[in-house]
Amino acid sequence: MEIKIKSIHFDATEKLEAFIEKKVAKLEKSFEDIQKVEVQLKVVKPATAQNKEASLEVFVPGTTLFVDKTCDTFEEGIDLCVDSMRAQLTKFKEKLRNR
């Protein structure tokens, strides 16, 4: 699984990138055939609350799954994105199993 991290309007620290890679790697437990994951981090309107936007795009055979969250910190956003993506992957896996 390839993980690509894009930070828009700021530079992500190594600590943040390590945190993201650790969290995203856990998605493979939910679905084994993940080809690529693109993580996009963006600061929206600096100096306001709820200004960190995190999105997760997961490429699996046959489709692309997407999650987008806005929070106070990128860590919180990534946590919520990974939880939502885990639910989507489980649902997708069930659909595949039923075919």
PDB file of N, CA and C in Angstrom:
ATOM      1  N   MET A   1       0.844  -1.180   0.000  1.00  0.00           N
ATOM      2  CA  MET A   1       0.000   0.000   0.000  1.00  0.00           C
ATOM      3  C   MET A   1       0.892   1.247   0.000  1.00  0.00           C
ATOM      4  N   GLU A   2       0.597   2.134  -0.934  1.00  0.00           N
ATOM      5  CA  GLU A   2       1.355   3.374  -1.051  1.00  0.00           C
ATOM      6  C   GLU A   2       0.589   4.496  -0.342  1.00  0.00           C
ATOM      7  N   ILE A   3       1.292   5.270   0.495  1.00  0.00           N
ATOM      8  CA  ILE A   3       0.667   6.389   1.203  1.00  0.00           C
ATOM      9  C   ILE A   3       1.292   7.685   0.712  1.00  0.00           C
ATOM     10  N   LYS A   4       0.445   8.597   0.228  1.00  0.00           N
ATOM     11  CA  LYS A   4       0.919   9.875  -0.289  1.00  0.00           C
ATOM     12  C   LYS A   4       0.296  10.988   0.552  1.00  0.00           C
ATOM     13  N   ILE A   5       1.140  11.854   1.130  1.00  0.00           N
ATOM     14  CA  ILE A   5       0.650  12.932   1.984  1.00  0.00           C
ATOM     15  C   ILE A   5       0.892  14.275   1.304  1.00  0.00           C
ATOM     16  N   LYS A   6      -0.190  15.047   1.135  1.00  0.00           N
ATOM     17  CA  LYS A   6      -0.079  16.385   0.549  1.00  0.00           C
ATOM     18  C   LYS A   6      -0.507  17.403   1.597  1.00  0.00           C
ATOM     19  N   SER A   7       0.344  18.385   1.857  1.00  0.00           N
ATOM     20  CA  SER A   7      -0.034  19.454   2.787  1.00  0.00           C
ATOM     21  C   SER A   7      -0.139  20.748   1.994  1.00  0.00           C
ATOM     22  N   ILE A   8      -1.319  21.358   2.036  1.00  0.00           N
ATOM     23  CA  ILE A   8      -1.600  22.550   1.250  1.00  0.00           C
ATOM     24  C   ILE A   8      -1.574  23.785   2.164  1.00  0.00           C
ATOM     25  N   HIS A   9      -0.856  24.815   1.769  1.00  0.00           N
ATOM     26  CA  HIS A   9      -0.712  26.088   2.491  1.00  0.00           C
ATOM     27  C   HIS A   9       0.106  25.988   3.770  1.00  0.00           C
ATOM     28  N   PHE A  10       0.842  24.890   3.961  1.00  0.00           N
ATOM     29  CA  PHE A  10       1.737  24.775   5.116  1.00  0.00           C
ATOM     30  C   PHE A  10       2.648  23.565   4.900  1.00  0.00           C
ATOM     31  N   ASP A  11       3.679  23.434   5.725  1.00  0.00           N
ATOM     32  CA  ASP A  11       4.569  22.282   5.656  1.00  0.00           C
ATOM     33  C   ASP A  11       4.287  21.357   6.832  1.00  0.00           C
ATOM     34  N   ALA A  12       3.982  20.103   6.530  1.00  0.00           N
ATOM     35  CA  ALA A  12       3.696  19.121   7.582  1.00  0.00           C
ATOM     36  C   ALA A  12       4.995  18.711   8.274  1.00  0.00           C
ATOM     37  N   THR A  13       4.948  18.590   9.582  1.00  0.00           N
ATOM     38  CA  THR A  13       6.131  18.159  10.330  1.00  0.00           C
ATOM     39  C   THR A  13       6.317  16.652  10.163  1.00  0.00           C
ATOM     40  N   GLU A  14       7.529  16.182  10.435  1.00  0.00           N
ATOM     41  CA  GLU A  14       7.812  14.744  10.337  1.00  0.00           C
ATOM     42  C   GLU A  14       6.973  13.964  11.353  1.00  0.00           C
ATOM     43  N   LYS A  15       6.763  14.576  12.515  1.00  0.00           N
ATOM     44  CA  LYS A  15       5.963  13.941  13.566  1.00  0.00           C
ATOM     45  C   LYS A  15       4.526  13.717  13.076  1.00  0.00           C
ATOM     46  N   LEU A  16       3.947  14.736  12.405  1.00  0.00           N
ATOM     47  CA  LEU A  16       2.591  14.630  11.868  1.00  0.00           C
ATOM     48  C   LEU A  16       2.531  13.572  10.776  1.00  0.00           C
ATOM     49  N   GLU A  17       3.527  13.555   9.893  1.00  0.00           N
ATOM     50  CA  GLU A  17       3.557  12.560   8.812  1.00  0.00           C
ATOM     51  C   GLU A  17       3.673  11.147   9.370  1.00  0.00           C
ATOM     52  N   ALA A  18       4.488  10.969  10.406  1.00  0.00           N
ATOM     53  CA  ALA A  18       4.644   9.646  11.032  1.00  0.00           C
ATOM     54  C   ALA A  18       3.314   9.208  11.661  1.00  0.00           C
ATOM     55  N   PHE A  19       2.631  10.144  12.319  1.00  0.00           N
ATOM     56  CA  PHE A  19       1.326   9.863  12.927  1.00  0.00           C
ATOM     57  C   PHE A  19       0.333   9.408  11.857  1.00  0.00           C
ATOM     58  N   ILE A  20       0.292  10.121  10.733  1.00  0.00           N
ATOM     59  CA  ILE A  20      -0.641   9.802   9.643  1.00  0.00           C
ATOM     60  C   ILE A  20      -0.336   8.418   9.074  1.00  0.00           C
ATOM     61  N   GLU A  21       0.940   8.144   8.802  1.00  0.00           N
ATOM     62  CA  GLU A  21       1.313   6.843   8.232  1.00  0.00           C
ATOM     63  C   GLU A  21       0.939   5.706   9.168  1.00  0.00           C
ATOM     64  N   LYS A  22       1.137   5.914  10.473  1.00  0.00           N
ATOM     65  CA  LYS A  22       0.807   4.882  11.457  1.00  0.00           C
ATOM     66  C   LYS A  22      -0.698   4.604  11.461  1.00  0.00           C
ATOM     67  N   LYS A  23      -1.505   5.678  11.462  1.00  0.00           N
ATOM     68  CA  LYS A  23      -2.964   5.529  11.494  1.00  0.00           C
ATOM     69  C   LYS A  23      -3.497   4.906  10.203  1.00  0.00           C
ATOM     70  N   VAL A  24      -3.010   5.401   9.060  1.00  0.00           N
ATOM     71  CA  VAL A  24      -3.513   4.932   7.766  1.00  0.00           C
ATOM     72  C   VAL A  24      -3.126   3.480   7.517  1.00  0.00           C
ATOM     73  N   ALA A  25      -1.959   3.067   8.006  1.00  0.00           N
ATOM     74  CA  ALA A  25      -1.509   1.681   7.824  1.00  0.00           C
ATOM     75  C   ALA A  25      -2.490   0.693   8.459  1.00  0.00           C
ATOM     76  N   LYS A  26      -3.191   1.133   9.497  1.00  0.00           N
ATOM     77  CA  LYS A  26      -4.147   0.254  10.188  1.00  0.00           C
ATOM     78  C   LYS A  26      -5.369  -0.064   9.321  1.00  0.00           C
ATOM     79  N   LEU A  27      -5.589   0.721   8.250  1.00  0.00           N
ATOM     80  CA  LEU A  27      -6.734   0.465   7.370  1.00  0.00           C
ATOM     81  C   LEU A  27      -6.609  -0.879   6.665  1.00  0.00           C
ATOM     82  N   GLU A  28      -5.373  -1.363   6.505  1.00  0.00           N
ATOM     83  CA  GLU A  28      -5.177  -2.644   5.825  1.00  0.00           C
ATOM     84  C   GLU A  28      -5.792  -3.811   6.594  1.00  0.00           C
ATOM     85  N   LYS A  29      -6.016  -3.622   7.893  1.00  0.00           N
ATOM     86  CA  LYS A  29      -6.673  -4.671   8.681  1.00  0.00           C
ATOM     87  C   LYS A  29      -8.131  -4.827   8.251  1.00  0.00           C
ATOM     88  N   SER A  30      -8.750  -3.711   7.814  1.00  0.00           N
ATOM     89  CA  SER A  30     -10.152  -3.746   7.386  1.00  0.00           C
ATOM     90  C   SER A  30     -10.306  -4.277   5.970  1.00  0.00           C
ATOM     91  N   PHE A  31      -9.339  -3.958   5.098  1.00  0.00           N
ATOM     92  CA  PHE A  31      -9.426  -4.348   3.687  1.00  0.00           C
ATOM     93  C   PHE A  31      -8.017  -4.530   3.147  1.00  0.00           C
ATOM     94  N   GLU A  32      -7.696  -5.724   2.672  1.00  0.00           N
ATOM     95  CA  GLU A  32      -6.319  -6.058   2.301  1.00  0.00           C
ATOM     96  C   GLU A  32      -5.878  -5.474   0.955  1.00  0.00           C
ATOM     97  N   ASP A  33      -6.821  -5.302   0.015  1.00  0.00           N
ATOM     98  CA  ASP A  33      -6.458  -4.930  -1.356  1.00  0.00           C
ATOM     99  C   ASP A  33      -6.374  -3.426  -1.610  1.00  0.00           C
ATOM    100  N   ILE A  34      -5.999  -2.639  -0.619  1.00  0.00           N
ATOM    101  CA  ILE A  34      -5.854  -1.191  -0.818  1.00  0.00           C
ATOM    102  C   ILE A  34      -4.612  -0.955  -1.668  1.00  0.00           C
ATOM    103  N   GLN A  35      -4.777  -0.235  -2.798  1.00  0.00           N
ATOM    104  CA  GLN A  35      -3.661   0.020  -3.684  1.00  0.00           C
ATOM    105  C   GLN A  35      -2.897   1.270  -3.268  1.00  0.00           C
ATOM    106  N   LYS A  36      -3.634   2.366  -3.017  1.00  0.00           N
ATOM    107  CA  LYS A  36      -2.991   3.634  -2.708  1.00  0.00           C
ATOM    108  C   LYS A  36      -3.890   4.459  -1.801  1.00  0.00           C
ATOM    109  N   VAL A  37      -3.279   5.252  -0.922  1.00  0.00           N
ATOM    110  CA  VAL A  37      -4.022   6.163  -0.061  1.00  0.00           C
ATOM    111  C   VAL A  37      -3.437   7.560  -0.236  1.00  0.00           C
ATOM    112  N   GLU A  38      -4.296   8.533  -0.528  1.00  0.00           N
ATOM    113  CA  GLU A  38      -3.855   9.919  -0.622  1.00  0.00           C
ATOM    114  C   GLU A  38      -4.459  10.696   0.535  1.00  0.00           C
ATOM    115  N   VAL A  39      -3.578  11.315   1.330  1.00  0.00           N
ATOM    116  CA  VAL A  39      -4.015  12.117   2.468  1.00  0.00           C
ATOM    117  C   VAL A  39      -3.771  13.575   2.097  1.00  0.00           C
ATOM    118  N   GLN A  40      -4.800  14.395   2.247  1.00  0.00           N
ATOM    119  CA  GLN A  40      -4.656  15.811   1.922  1.00  0.00           C
ATOM    120  C   GLN A  40      -4.948  16.629   3.171  1.00  0.00           C
ATOM    121  N   LEU A  41      -3.999  17.483   3.546  1.00  0.00           N
ATOM    122  CA  LEU A  41      -4.155  18.337   4.717  1.00  0.00           C
ATOM    123  C   LEU A  41      -4.189  19.783   4.246  1.00  0.00           C
ATOM    124  N   LYS A  42      -5.172  20.536   4.732  1.00  0.00           N
ATOM    125  CA  LYS A  42      -5.312  21.907   4.276  1.00  0.00           C
ATOM    126  C   LYS A  42      -5.707  22.808   5.436  1.00  0.00           C
ATOM    127  N   VAL A  43      -5.102  24.016   5.486  1.00  0.00           N
ATOM    128  CA  VAL A  43      -5.496  25.001   6.478  1.00  0.00           C
ATOM    129  C   VAL A  43      -6.474  25.956   5.804  1.00  0.00           C
ATOM    130  N   VAL A  44      -7.686  26.007   6.356  1.00  0.00           N
ATOM    131  CA  VAL A  44      -8.709  26.877   5.792  1.00  0.00           C
ATOM    132  C   VAL A  44      -8.856  28.096   6.699  1.00  0.00           C
ATOM    133  N   LYS A  45      -8.834  29.270   6.149  1.00  0.00           N
ATOM    134  CA  LYS A  45      -8.957  30.512   6.924  1.00  0.00           C
ATOM    135  C   LYS A  45      -8.133  30.446   8.213  1.00  0.00           C
ATOM    136  N   PRO A  46      -6.835  30.680   8.149  1.00  0.00           N
ATOM    137  CA  PRO A  46      -5.998  30.615   9.350  1.00  0.00           C
ATOM    138  C   PRO A  46      -6.533  31.509  10.473  1.00  0.00           C
ATOM    139  N   ALA A  47      -6.187  31.186  11.690  1.00  0.00           N
ATOM    140  CA  ALA A  47      -6.543  31.935  12.901  1.00  0.00           C
ATOM    141  C   ALA A  47      -8.019  31.844  13.276  1.00  0.00           C
ATOM    142  N   THR A  48      -8.711  30.801  12.827  1.00  0.00           N
ATOM    143  CA  THR A  48     -10.075  30.555  13.300  1.00  0.00           C
ATOM    144  C   THR A  48     -10.143  29.134  13.846  1.00  0.00           C
ATOM    145  N   ALA A  49     -11.136  28.872  14.663  1.00  0.00           N
ATOM    146  CA  ALA A  49     -11.323  27.512  15.180  1.00  0.00           C
ATOM    147  C   ALA A  49     -11.850  26.643  14.048  1.00  0.00           C
ATOM    148  N   GLN A  50     -11.669  25.335  14.182  1.00  0.00           N
ATOM    149  CA  GLN A  50     -12.136  24.383  13.165  1.00  0.00           C
ATOM    150  C   GLN A  50     -11.597  24.740  11.776  1.00  0.00           C
ATOM    151  N   ASN A  51     -10.291  25.005  11.685  1.00  0.00           N
ATOM    152  CA  ASN A  51      -9.733  25.444  10.400  1.00  0.00           C
ATOM    153  C   ASN A  51      -8.797  24.430   9.753  1.00  0.00           C
ATOM    154  N   LYS A  52      -8.721  23.230  10.286  1.00  0.00           N
ATOM    155  CA  LYS A  52      -7.843  22.201   9.716  1.00  0.00           C
ATOM    156  C   LYS A  52      -8.701  21.161   9.001  1.00  0.00           C
ATOM    157  N   GLU A  53      -8.467  21.022   7.706  1.00  0.00           N
ATOM    158  CA  GLU A  53      -9.261  20.098   6.903  1.00  0.00           C
ATOM    159  C   GLU A  53      -8.389  18.909   6.497  1.00  0.00           C
ATOM    160  N   ALA A  54      -8.866  17.716   6.796  1.00  0.00           N
ATOM    161  CA  ALA A  54      -8.143  16.495   6.437  1.00  0.00           C
ATOM    162  C   ALA A  54      -9.045  15.643   5.553  1.00  0.00           C
ATOM    163  N   SER A  55      -8.485  15.159   4.442  1.00  0.00           N
ATOM    164  CA  SER A  55      -9.272  14.272   3.590  1.00  0.00           C
ATOM    165  C   SER A  55      -8.453  13.035   3.257  1.00  0.00           C
ATOM    166  N   LEU A  56      -9.155  11.941   3.104  1.00  0.00           N
ATOM    167  CA  LEU A  56      -8.544  10.638   2.858  1.00  0.00           C
ATOM    168  C   LEU A  56      -9.181  10.053   1.615  1.00  0.00           C
ATOM    169  N   GLU A  57      -8.354   9.704   0.639  1.00  0.00           N
ATOM    170  CA  GLU A  57      -8.854   9.090  -0.587  1.00  0.00           C
ATOM    171  C   GLU A  57      -8.181   7.728  -0.708  1.00  0.00           C
ATOM    172  N   VAL A  58      -8.998   6.681  -0.713  1.00  0.00           N
ATOM    173  CA  VAL A  58      -8.475   5.313  -0.738  1.00  0.00           C
ATOM    174  C   VAL A  58      -8.841   4.660  -2.073  1.00  0.00           C
ATOM    175  N   PHE A  59      -7.813   4.186  -2.764  1.00  0.00           N
ATOM    176  CA  PHE A  59      -8.017   3.530  -4.057  1.00  0.00           C
ATOM    177  C   PHE A  59      -8.016   2.025  -3.848  1.00  0.00           C
ATOM    178  N   VAL A  60      -9.166   1.397  -4.128  1.00  0.00           N
ATOM    179  CA  VAL A  60      -9.303  -0.054  -4.046  1.00  0.00           C
ATOM    180  C   VAL A  60      -9.714  -0.544  -5.433  1.00  0.00           C
ATOM    181  N   PRO A  61      -9.503  -1.824  -5.743  1.00  0.00           N
ATOM    182  CA  PRO A  61      -9.866  -2.308  -7.079  1.00  0.00           C
ATOM    183  C   PRO A  61     -11.329  -2.024  -7.413  1.00  0.00           C
ATOM    184  N   GLY A  62     -11.544  -1.289  -8.489  1.00  0.00           N
ATOM    185  CA  GLY A  62     -12.899  -1.020  -8.951  1.00  0.00           C
ATOM    186  C   GLY A  62     -13.519   0.290  -8.500  1.00  0.00           C
ATOM    187  N   THR A  63     -12.965   0.932  -7.462  1.00  0.00           N
ATOM    188  CA  THR A  63     -13.563   2.182  -6.988  1.00  0.00           C
ATOM    189  C   THR A  63     -12.589   3.000  -6.137  1.00  0.00           C
ATOM    190  N   THR A  64     -13.013   4.210  -5.815  1.00  0.00           N
ATOM    191  CA  THR A  64     -12.255   5.091  -4.934  1.00  0.00           C
ATOM    192  C   THR A  64     -13.179   5.538  -3.813  1.00  0.00           C
ATOM    193  N   LEU A  65     -12.710   5.408  -2.574  1.00  0.00           N
ATOM    194  CA  LEU A  65     -13.501   5.830  -1.419  1.00  0.00           C
ATOM    195  C   LEU A  65     -12.922   7.133  -0.875  1.00  0.00           C
ATOM    196  N   PHE A  66     -13.794   8.037  -0.401  1.00  0.00           N
ATOM    197  CA  PHE A  66     -13.354   9.363   0.015  1.00  0.00           C
ATOM    198  C   PHE A  66     -13.997   9.780   1.330  1.00  0.00           C
ATOM    199  N   VAL A  67     -13.197  10.419   2.204  1.00  0.00           N
ATOM    200  CA  VAL A  67     -13.682  10.951   3.477  1.00  0.00           C
ATOM    201  C   VAL A  67     -13.052  12.327   3.666  1.00  0.00           C
ATOM    202  N   ASP A  68     -13.829  13.260   4.222  1.00  0.00           N
ATOM    203  CA  ASP A  68     -13.353  14.628   4.421  1.00  0.00           C
ATOM    204  C   ASP A  68     -13.844  15.118   5.780  1.00  0.00           C
ATOM    205  N   LYS A  69     -12.938  15.613   6.628  1.00  0.00           N
ATOM    206  CA  LYS A  69     -13.326  16.103   7.957  1.00  0.00           C
ATOM    207  C   LYS A  69     -12.634  17.434   8.249  1.00  0.00           C
ATOM    208  N   THR A  70     -13.317  18.301   8.998  1.00  0.00           N
ATOM    209  CA  THR A  70     -12.747  19.579   9.421  1.00  0.00           C
ATOM    210  C   THR A  70     -12.734  19.617  10.943  1.00  0.00           C
ATOM    211  N   CYS A  71     -11.543  19.885  11.529  1.00  0.00           N
ATOM    212  CA  CYS A  71     -11.381  19.852  12.986  1.00  0.00           C
ATOM    213  C   CYS A  71     -10.432  20.943  13.458  1.00  0.00           C
ATOM    214  N   ASP A  72     -10.169  20.956  14.779  1.00  0.00           N
ATOM    215  CA  ASP A  72      -9.220  21.910  15.359  1.00  0.00           C
ATOM    216  C   ASP A  72      -7.772  21.509  15.109  1.00  0.00           C
ATOM    217  N   THR A  73      -7.500  20.179  15.078  1.00  0.00           N
ATOM    218  CA  THR A  73      -6.135  19.714  14.839  1.00  0.00           C
ATOM    219  C   THR A  73      -6.147  18.668  13.726  1.00  0.00           C
ATOM    220  N   PHE A  74      -5.000  18.531  13.059  1.00  0.00           N
ATOM    221  CA  PHE A  74      -4.899  17.532  11.992  1.00  0.00           C
ATOM    222  C   PHE A  74      -4.981  16.122  12.569  1.00  0.00           C
ATOM    223  N   GLU A  75      -4.418  15.921  13.763  1.00  0.00           N
ATOM    224  CA  GLU A  75      -4.465  14.596  14.385  1.00  0.00           C
ATOM    225  C   GLU A  75      -5.902  14.147  14.612  1.00  0.00           C
ATOM    226  N   GLU A  76      -6.721  15.065  15.139  1.00  0.00           N
ATOM    227  CA  GLU A  76      -8.130  14.760  15.383  1.00  0.00           C
ATOM    228  C   GLU A  76      -8.848  14.466  14.059  1.00  0.00           C
ATOM    229  N   GLY A  77      -8.545  15.263  13.039  1.00  0.00           N
ATOM    230  CA  GLY A  77      -9.149  15.068  11.716  1.00  0.00           C
ATOM    231  C   GLY A  77      -8.787  13.722  11.113  1.00  0.00           C
ATOM    232  N   ILE A  78      -7.508  13.347  11.220  1.00  0.00           N
ATOM    233  CA  ILE A  78      -7.043  12.067  10.674  1.00  0.00           C
ATOM    234  C   ILE A  78      -7.709  10.917  11.425  1.00  0.00           C
ATOM    235  N   ASP A  79      -7.808  11.032  12.760  1.00  0.00           N
ATOM    236  CA  ASP A  79      -8.496  10.002  13.560  1.00  0.00           C
ATOM    237  C   ASP A  79      -9.922   9.785  13.060  1.00  0.00           C
ATOM    238  N   LEU A  80     -10.661  10.882  12.884  1.00  0.00           N
ATOM    239  CA  LEU A  80     -12.048  10.777  12.423  1.00  0.00           C
ATOM    240  C   LEU A  80     -12.128  10.222  11.008  1.00  0.00           C
ATOM    241  N   CYS A  81     -11.214  10.664  10.146  1.00  0.00           N
ATOM    242  CA  CYS A  81     -11.186  10.172   8.760  1.00  0.00           C
ATOM    243  C   CYS A  81     -10.933   8.665   8.721  1.00  0.00           C
ATOM    244  N   VAL A  82      -9.967   8.210   9.495  1.00  0.00           N
ATOM    245  CA  VAL A  82      -9.617   6.786   9.504  1.00  0.00           C
ATOM    246  C   VAL A  82     -10.794   5.956  10.028  1.00  0.00           C
ATOM    247  N   ASP A  83     -11.478   6.450  11.068  1.00  0.00           N
ATOM    248  CA  ASP A  83     -12.649   5.736  11.593  1.00  0.00           C
ATOM    249  C   ASP A  83     -13.747   5.636  10.541  1.00  0.00           C
ATOM    250  N   SER A  84     -14.023   6.759   9.859  1.00  0.00           N
ATOM    251  CA  SER A  84     -15.058   6.755   8.816  1.00  0.00           C
ATOM    252  C   SER A  84     -14.667   5.852   7.657  1.00  0.00           C
ATOM    253  N   MET A  85     -13.385   5.888   7.286  1.00  0.00           N
ATOM    254  CA  MET A  85     -12.912   5.076   6.167  1.00  0.00           C
ATOM    255  C   MET A  85     -12.992   3.598   6.517  1.00  0.00           C
ATOM    256  N   ARG A  86     -12.706   3.259   7.772  1.00  0.00           N
ATOM    257  CA  ARG A  86     -12.789   1.867   8.200  1.00  0.00           C
ATOM    258  C   ARG A  86     -14.218   1.355   8.009  1.00  0.00           C
ATOM    259  N   ALA A  87     -15.204   2.191   8.363  1.00  0.00           N
ATOM    260  CA  ALA A  87     -16.611   1.815   8.189  1.00  0.00           C
ATOM    261  C   ALA A  87     -16.937   1.650   6.701  1.00  0.00           C
ATOM    262  N   GLN A  88     -16.441   2.560   5.857  1.00  0.00           N
ATOM    263  CA  GLN A  88     -16.698   2.466   4.414  1.00  0.00           C
ATOM    264  C   GLN A  88     -16.070   1.209   3.822  1.00  0.00           C
ATOM    265  N   LEU A  89     -14.848   0.909   4.248  1.00  0.00           N
ATOM    266  CA  LEU A  89     -14.157  -0.277   3.728  1.00  0.00           C
ATOM    267  C   LEU A  89     -14.887  -1.554   4.143  1.00  0.00           C
ATOM    268  N   THR A  90     -15.383  -1.604   5.375  1.00  0.00           N
ATOM    269  CA  THR A  90     -16.118  -2.772   5.848  1.00  0.00           C
ATOM    270  C   THR A  90     -17.385  -2.956   5.017  1.00  0.00           C
ATOM    271  N   LYS A  91     -18.096  -1.853   4.754  1.00  0.00           N
ATOM    272  CA  LYS A  91     -19.308  -1.889   3.946  1.00  0.00           C
ATOM    273  C   LYS A  91     -18.994  -2.355   2.523  1.00  0.00           C
ATOM    274  N   PHE A  92     -17.905  -1.833   1.953  1.00  0.00           N
ATOM    275  CA  PHE A  92     -17.481  -2.186   0.600  1.00  0.00           C
ATOM    276  C   PHE A  92     -17.134  -3.672   0.518  1.00  0.00           C
ATOM    277  N   LYS A  93     -16.451  -4.163   1.562  1.00  0.00           N
ATOM    278  CA  LYS A  93     -16.055  -5.566   1.615  1.00  0.00           C
ATOM    279  C   LYS A  93     -17.289  -6.472   1.666  1.00  0.00           C
ATOM    280  N   GLU A  94     -18.312  -6.057   2.429  1.00  0.00           N
ATOM    281  CA  GLU A  94     -19.559  -6.812   2.512  1.00  0.00           C
ATOM    282  C   GLU A  94     -20.240  -6.881   1.137  1.00  0.00           C
ATOM    283  N   LYS A  95     -20.239  -5.759   0.414  1.00  0.00           N
ATOM    284  CA  LYS A  95     -20.837  -5.733  -0.940  1.00  0.00           C
ATOM    285  C   LYS A  95     -20.124  -6.719  -1.849  1.00  0.00           C
ATOM    286  N   LEU A  96     -18.794  -6.733  -1.773  1.00  0.00           N
ATOM    287  CA  LEU A  96     -18.003  -7.650  -2.606  1.00  0.00           C
ATOM    288  C   LEU A  96     -18.326  -9.108  -2.255  1.00  0.00           C
ATOM    289  N   ARG A  97     -18.477  -9.370  -0.991  1.00  0.00           N
ATOM    290  CA  ARG A  97     -18.736 -10.726  -0.524  1.00  0.00           C
ATOM    291  C   ARG A  97     -20.106 -11.222  -0.990  1.00  0.00           C
ATOM    292  N   ASN A  98     -21.062 -10.304  -1.108  1.00  0.00           N
ATOM    293  CA  ASN A  98     -22.422 -10.673  -1.502  1.00  0.00           C
ATOM    294  C   ASN A  98     -22.579 -10.927  -3.000  1.00  0.00           C
ATOM    295  N   ARG A  99     -21.586 -10.574  -3.789  1.00  0.00           N
ATOM    296  CA  ARG A  99     -21.690 -10.780  -5.248  1.00  0.00           C
ATOM    297  C   ARG A  99     -21.399 -12.198  -5.640  1.00  0.00           C
TER     298      ARG A  99
END
